[in-house]
Amino acid sequence: MALLFILLVIAGGMGLSVEAGLLGPLASQVGDLWATMSIFGIGAVLTFFLMLFFSPRSSPSFFSLPGWQLTAVCWGRGTW
């Protein structure tokens, strides 16, 4: 299991270098803000599809959660 985590850390570092290599030339073409927003948007779409296909099917509904958990998520403290 520790080897898996080490490989995930290495893959994450490689992904950051690829992102920096893409963001630099893109920012010179369209500007810093649009380049950052496009990279963030692509990451959000990829995360959505990963969650859509690989998430557990028994996850709770958004509206079945207590209100304090929803406000905690909005404030960045997403602990269940």
Protein backbone atom coordinates (compact mmCIF):
# COMPACT_ATOMS: atom_id res chain seq x y z
CA MET A 1 0.00 0.00 0.00
CA ALA A 2 2.87 2.37 0.74
CA LEU A 3 4.25 1.73 -2.74
CA LEU A 4 0.91 2.76 -4.23
CA PHE A 5 1.00 6.06 -2.33
CA ILE A 6 4.57 6.71 -3.46
CA LEU A 7 3.55 6.09 -7.07
CA LEU A 8 0.57 8.43 -6.66
CA VAL A 9 2.85 11.17 -5.32
CA ILE A 10 5.20 10.71 -8.27
CA ALA A 11 2.31 10.80 -10.73
CA GLY A 12 0.97 13.95 -9.05
CA GLY A 13 4.34 15.65 -9.39
CA MET A 14 4.50 14.70 -13.04
CA GLY A 15 1.01 16.09 -13.53
CA LEU A 16 2.02 19.40 -11.97
CA SER A 17 4.96 19.73 -14.33
CA VAL A 18 2.69 19.02 -17.30
CA GLU A 19 0.23 21.61 -16.03
CA ALA A 20 2.97 24.22 -15.68
CA GLY A 21 4.20 23.42 -19.18
CA LEU A 22 0.70 23.96 -20.56
CA LEU A 23 -0.16 27.00 -18.49
CA GLY A 24 2.89 29.07 -19.45
CA PRO A 25 2.37 29.18 -23.23
CA LEU A 26 -1.40 29.36 -22.82
CA ALA A 27 -1.10 32.39 -20.52
CA SER A 28 1.03 34.22 -23.08
CA GLN A 29 -1.69 33.65 -25.69
CA VAL A 30 -4.92 34.34 -23.79
CA GLY A 31 -3.82 35.97 -20.52
CA ASP A 32 -3.21 34.70 -17.02
CA LEU A 33 -6.80 34.70 -15.82
CA TRP A 34 -8.26 32.84 -18.80
CA ALA A 35 -5.43 30.31 -18.78
CA THR A 36 -5.97 29.59 -15.10
CA MET A 37 -9.74 29.35 -15.54
CA SER A 38 -9.38 26.97 -18.48
CA ILE A 39 -7.00 24.66 -16.60
CA PHE A 40 -9.34 24.73 -13.59
CA GLY A 41 -12.36 24.03 -15.81
CA ILE A 42 -10.70 21.07 -17.51
CA GLY A 43 -9.75 19.67 -14.11
CA ALA A 44 -13.31 20.12 -12.85
CA VAL A 45 -14.75 18.33 -15.89
CA LEU A 46 -12.28 15.45 -15.52
CA THR A 47 -13.08 15.18 -11.81
CA PHE A 48 -16.80 15.16 -12.60
CA PHE A 49 -16.42 12.27 -15.03
CA LEU A 50 -14.19 10.33 -12.63
CA MET A 51 -16.78 10.76 -9.88
CA LEU A 52 -19.59 9.87 -12.27
CA PHE A 53 -18.09 6.56 -13.32
CA PHE A 54 -16.03 5.49 -10.29
CA SER A 55 -17.87 6.83 -7.23
CA PRO A 56 -19.76 4.48 -4.91
CA ARG A 57 -23.43 4.18 -5.79
CA SER A 58 -24.59 4.32 -2.17
CA SER A 59 -23.53 7.92 -1.56
CA PRO A 60 -26.05 10.14 0.26
CA SER A 61 -28.19 12.61 -1.61
CA PHE A 62 -27.25 16.28 -1.46
CA PHE A 63 -30.59 17.28 0.06
CA SER A 64 -30.64 14.49 2.64
CA LEU A 65 -27.63 15.93 4.48
CA PRO A 66 -28.08 18.18 7.52
CA GLY A 67 -27.79 21.91 6.91
CA TRP A 68 -24.70 22.34 9.08
CA GLN A 69 -22.78 19.89 6.88
CA LEU A 70 -23.73 21.84 3.77
CA THR A 71 -22.55 25.13 5.26
CA ALA A 72 -19.34 23.46 6.42
CA VAL A 73 -18.65 22.31 2.88
CA CYS A 74 -19.27 25.81 1.56
CA TRP A 75 -16.72 27.16 4.04
CA GLY A 76 -14.12 24.61 3.02
CA ARG A 77 -14.43 22.26 5.97
CA GLY A 78 -15.87 19.26 4.14
CA THR A 79 -15.70 16.67 6.92
CA TRP A 80 -18.41 14.09 7.31
